[in-house]
């Protein structure tokens, strides 16, 4: 099972969610791009990190 940590930084705030843009590794294309996280969880975080696991 391969895992990858993907980092994101704050882009903008909407009514109920916060949009984050991926910070791609140098020389690599984005894995996800943008992600929306609900405000109740995101709080005031300017950066988040998500771990993705391939389970084939």
N, C-alpha and C. Protein backbone atom coordinates (compact mmCIF):
# COMPACT_ATOMS: atom_id res chain seq x y z
N UNK A 1 0.85 -1.18 0.00
CA UNK A 1 0.00 0.00 0.00
C UNK A 1 0.89 1.24 0.00
N UNK A 2 0.77 2.06 -1.02
CA UNK A 2 1.55 3.29 -1.13
C UNK A 2 0.79 4.45 -0.51
N UNK A 3 1.50 5.26 0.26
CA UNK A 3 0.90 6.46 0.87
C UNK A 3 1.65 7.70 0.42
N UNK A 4 0.93 8.80 0.34
CA UNK A 4 1.52 10.08 -0.04
C UNK A 4 0.90 11.18 0.80
N UNK A 5 1.72 12.05 1.35
CA UNK A 5 1.24 13.21 2.09
C UNK A 5 1.18 14.38 1.12
N UNK A 6 0.03 15.04 1.08
CA UNK A 6 -0.19 16.17 0.18
C UNK A 6 -0.47 17.40 1.05
N UNK A 7 0.25 18.48 0.79
CA UNK A 7 0.11 19.71 1.57
C UNK A 7 -0.72 20.73 0.80
N UNK A 8 -1.49 21.49 1.55
CA UNK A 8 -2.37 22.50 0.98
C UNK A 8 -2.21 23.81 1.74
N UNK A 9 -2.47 24.94 1.04
CA UNK A 9 -2.47 26.25 1.69
C UNK A 9 -3.79 26.96 1.41
N UNK A 10 -4.18 27.81 2.32
CA UNK A 10 -5.44 28.56 2.25
C UNK A 10 -5.53 29.34 0.95
N UNK A 11 -6.71 29.28 0.31
CA UNK A 11 -6.96 30.10 -0.88
C UNK A 11 -8.07 31.10 -0.60
N UNK A 12 -9.26 30.60 -0.20
CA UNK A 12 -10.36 31.52 0.08
C UNK A 12 -11.37 30.86 1.00
N UNK A 13 -12.20 31.69 1.58
CA UNK A 13 -13.23 31.23 2.51
C UNK A 13 -14.60 31.45 1.89
N UNK A 14 -15.45 30.45 1.97
CA UNK A 14 -16.83 30.54 1.50
C UNK A 14 -17.76 30.57 2.70
N UNK A 15 -19.05 30.51 2.46
CA UNK A 15 -20.02 30.58 3.55
C UNK A 15 -19.82 29.46 4.58
N UNK A 16 -19.72 28.22 4.13
CA UNK A 16 -19.61 27.08 5.05
C UNK A 16 -18.32 26.27 4.89
N UNK A 17 -17.45 26.67 3.99
CA UNK A 17 -16.24 25.88 3.75
C UNK A 17 -15.04 26.78 3.47
N UNK A 18 -13.87 26.16 3.46
CA UNK A 18 -12.62 26.85 3.17
C UNK A 18 -11.97 26.10 2.01
N UNK A 19 -11.49 26.85 1.02
CA UNK A 19 -10.83 26.24 -0.14
C UNK A 19 -9.33 26.32 0.06
N UNK A 20 -8.66 25.18 -0.18
CA UNK A 20 -7.21 25.09 -0.09
C UNK A 20 -6.66 24.66 -1.44
N UNK A 21 -5.50 25.21 -1.80
CA UNK A 21 -4.79 24.83 -3.03
C UNK A 21 -3.61 23.96 -2.66
N UNK A 22 -3.38 22.94 -3.46
CA UNK A 22 -2.26 22.04 -3.23
C UNK A 22 -0.93 22.75 -3.46
N UNK A 23 0.05 22.42 -2.64
CA UNK A 23 1.42 22.87 -2.83
C UNK A 23 2.16 21.67 -3.42
N UNK A 24 2.33 21.62 -4.74
CA UNK A 24 2.95 20.43 -5.35
C UNK A 24 4.44 20.35 -5.02
N UNK A 25 4.96 19.12 -5.03
CA UNK A 25 6.39 18.92 -4.85
C UNK A 25 7.11 19.52 -6.05
N UNK A 26 8.33 19.98 -5.84
CA UNK A 26 9.10 20.62 -6.90
C UNK A 26 9.27 19.68 -8.10
N UNK A 27 8.89 20.17 -9.27
CA UNK A 27 9.03 19.41 -10.51
C UNK A 27 7.94 18.39 -10.76
N UNK A 28 6.92 18.34 -9.89
CA UNK A 28 5.84 17.37 -10.03
C UNK A 28 4.51 18.10 -10.24
N UNK A 29 3.58 17.49 -10.98
CA UNK A 29 2.24 18.10 -11.12
C UNK A 29 1.43 17.85 -9.84
N UNK A 30 0.36 18.63 -9.63
CA UNK A 30 -0.49 18.42 -8.46
C UNK A 30 -1.13 17.03 -8.49
N UNK A 31 -1.34 16.45 -7.32
CA UNK A 31 -2.01 15.16 -7.20
C UNK A 31 -3.52 15.37 -7.11
N UNK A 32 -3.95 16.38 -6.36
CA UNK A 32 -5.38 16.64 -6.14
C UNK A 32 -5.81 17.97 -6.74
N UNK A 33 -5.04 19.01 -6.55
CA UNK A 33 -5.41 20.35 -7.03
C UNK A 33 -5.96 21.16 -5.89
N UNK A 34 -7.27 21.35 -5.87
CA UNK A 34 -7.94 22.12 -4.81
C UNK A 34 -8.83 21.19 -4.00
N UNK A 35 -9.08 21.61 -2.77
CA UNK A 35 -9.96 20.83 -1.90
C UNK A 35 -10.75 21.79 -1.03
N UNK A 36 -12.02 21.44 -0.79
CA UNK A 36 -12.87 22.21 0.11
C UNK A 36 -13.00 21.44 1.42
N UNK A 37 -12.82 22.15 2.54
CA UNK A 37 -12.95 21.57 3.87
C UNK A 37 -13.99 22.39 4.64
N UNK A 38 -14.88 21.72 5.32
CA UNK A 38 -15.92 22.41 6.07
C UNK A 38 -15.30 23.28 7.17
N UNK A 39 -15.88 24.48 7.38
CA UNK A 39 -15.34 25.44 8.35
C UNK A 39 -15.28 24.87 9.76
N UNK A 40 -16.24 24.04 10.14
CA UNK A 40 -16.24 23.52 11.51
C UNK A 40 -14.98 22.72 11.79
N UNK A 41 -14.38 22.12 10.74
CA UNK A 41 -13.15 21.35 10.91
C UNK A 41 -11.91 22.20 10.63
N UNK A 42 -11.94 22.97 9.56
CA UNK A 42 -10.78 23.76 9.14
C UNK A 42 -10.41 24.84 10.14
N UNK A 43 -11.41 25.45 10.77
CA UNK A 43 -11.13 26.53 11.72
C UNK A 43 -10.35 27.64 11.03
N UNK A 44 -9.27 28.10 11.66
CA UNK A 44 -8.45 29.18 11.11
C UNK A 44 -7.16 28.68 10.48
N UNK A 45 -7.09 27.39 10.17
CA UNK A 45 -5.85 26.81 9.64
C UNK A 45 -5.51 27.38 8.27
N UNK A 46 -4.29 27.86 8.13
CA UNK A 46 -3.82 28.39 6.85
C UNK A 46 -3.18 27.30 6.00
N UNK A 47 -2.75 26.21 6.63
CA UNK A 47 -2.16 25.08 5.91
C UNK A 47 -2.72 23.78 6.49
N UNK A 48 -2.95 22.80 5.60
CA UNK A 48 -3.40 21.48 6.03
C UNK A 48 -2.58 20.44 5.29
N UNK A 49 -2.62 19.22 5.78
CA UNK A 49 -1.93 18.10 5.16
C UNK A 49 -2.86 16.90 5.15
N UNK A 50 -2.92 16.23 4.00
CA UNK A 50 -3.79 15.06 3.85
C UNK A 50 -2.92 13.89 3.39
N UNK A 51 -3.17 12.71 3.96
CA UNK A 51 -2.45 11.51 3.55
C UNK A 51 -3.39 10.66 2.70
N UNK A 52 -2.90 10.27 1.51
CA UNK A 52 -3.68 9.45 0.58
C UNK A 52 -3.01 8.07 0.51
N UNK A 53 -3.82 7.03 0.59
CA UNK A 53 -3.29 5.68 0.49
C UNK A 53 -3.93 4.96 -0.69
N UNK A 54 -3.11 4.34 -1.54
CA UNK A 54 -3.60 3.49 -2.63
C UNK A 54 -3.76 2.08 -2.05
N UNK A 55 -4.93 1.51 -2.22
CA UNK A 55 -5.20 0.21 -1.62
C UNK A 55 -5.57 -0.86 -2.65
N UNK A 56 -4.82 -0.96 -3.75
CA UNK A 56 -5.12 -2.01 -4.72
C UNK A 56 -4.36 -3.24 -4.40
